[in-house]
Amino acid sequence: MMEAIASIAAKTRAAGKYAAIYIVDPALTGRMVEMGYRLLATGSEQQVMALGAKSLLGTMRSTIG
């Protein structure tokens, strides 16, 4: 499947366009950029809010002795 994803990026760039992809696993971001993707989307509103809340609470907890 990664070959197909890389092929899409190459063909998009060859056409003079920016390649875009939805990234399900943030750990793959670097790989997608290396393939030529320049427009990246990730996460749902729910995921973004949950991660933000987790970060906020973690920061608050870290200040409590």
Protein backbone atom coordinates (compact mmCIF):
# COMPACT_ATOMS: atom_id res chain seq x y z
CA MET A 1 0.00 0.00 0.00
CA MET A 2 2.89 2.39 0.73
CA GLU A 3 4.02 2.03 -2.89
CA ALA A 4 0.62 3.28 -4.05
CA ILE A 5 0.72 6.17 -1.59
CA ALA A 6 4.21 7.15 -2.80
CA SER A 7 3.07 6.88 -6.43
CA ILE A 8 0.16 9.22 -5.80
CA ALA A 9 2.48 11.81 -4.25
CA ALA A 10 4.93 11.55 -7.16
CA LYS A 11 2.20 11.88 -9.79
CA THR A 12 0.66 14.83 -7.96
CA ARG A 13 4.01 16.63 -7.78
CA ALA A 14 4.69 15.85 -11.45
CA ALA A 15 1.40 17.57 -12.28
CA GLY A 16 2.59 20.66 -10.43
CA LYS A 17 0.14 20.23 -7.56
CA TYR A 18 0.55 19.81 -3.82
CA ALA A 19 -0.03 16.29 -2.58
CA ALA A 20 -2.41 16.02 0.39
CA ILE A 21 -3.08 13.12 2.74
CA TYR A 22 -5.04 12.36 5.90
CA ILE A 23 -2.66 10.86 8.45
CA VAL A 24 -4.26 8.39 10.83
CA ASP A 25 -1.02 7.60 12.70
CA PRO A 26 1.01 10.73 13.53
CA ALA A 27 4.15 8.58 13.67
CA LEU A 28 3.95 8.31 9.85
CA THR A 29 4.12 12.08 9.28
CA GLY A 30 7.83 12.16 8.46
CA ARG A 31 7.47 9.29 6.02
CA MET A 32 4.64 11.07 4.20
CA VAL A 33 6.64 14.30 3.97
CA GLU A 34 9.60 12.32 2.57
CA MET A 35 7.27 10.92 -0.09
CA GLY A 36 6.37 14.47 -1.10
CA TYR A 37 3.14 15.19 0.71
CA ARG A 38 2.86 18.87 1.67
CA LEU A 39 -0.72 19.20 2.87
CA LEU A 40 -1.27 17.06 5.95
CA ALA A 41 -4.44 16.52 7.95
CA THR A 42 -4.72 14.45 11.10
CA GLY A 43 -7.10 13.71 13.91
CA SER A 44 -10.71 14.47 14.55
CA GLU A 45 -12.05 17.30 16.69
CA GLN A 46 -12.58 14.77 19.46
CA GLN A 47 -8.93 13.63 19.31
CA VAL A 48 -7.61 17.18 19.24
CA MET A 49 -9.74 18.21 22.22
CA ALA A 50 -8.80 15.08 24.17
CA LEU A 51 -5.09 15.62 23.54
CA GLY A 52 -5.38 19.28 24.50
CA ALA A 53 -7.23 18.41 27.70
CA LYS A 54 -4.67 15.73 28.54
CA SER A 55 -1.83 18.20 28.03
CA LEU A 56 -3.58 20.87 30.09
CA LEU A 57 -4.29 18.51 32.98
CA GLY A 58 -0.74 17.12 32.83
CA THR A 59 0.69 20.62 33.11
CA MET A 60 -1.60 21.41 36.03
CA ARG A 61 -0.66 18.17 37.81
CA SER A 62 3.05 18.84 37.32
CA THR A 63 2.76 22.05 39.36
CA ILE A 64 1.30 20.28 42.40
CA GLY A 65 3.91 19.19 44.93
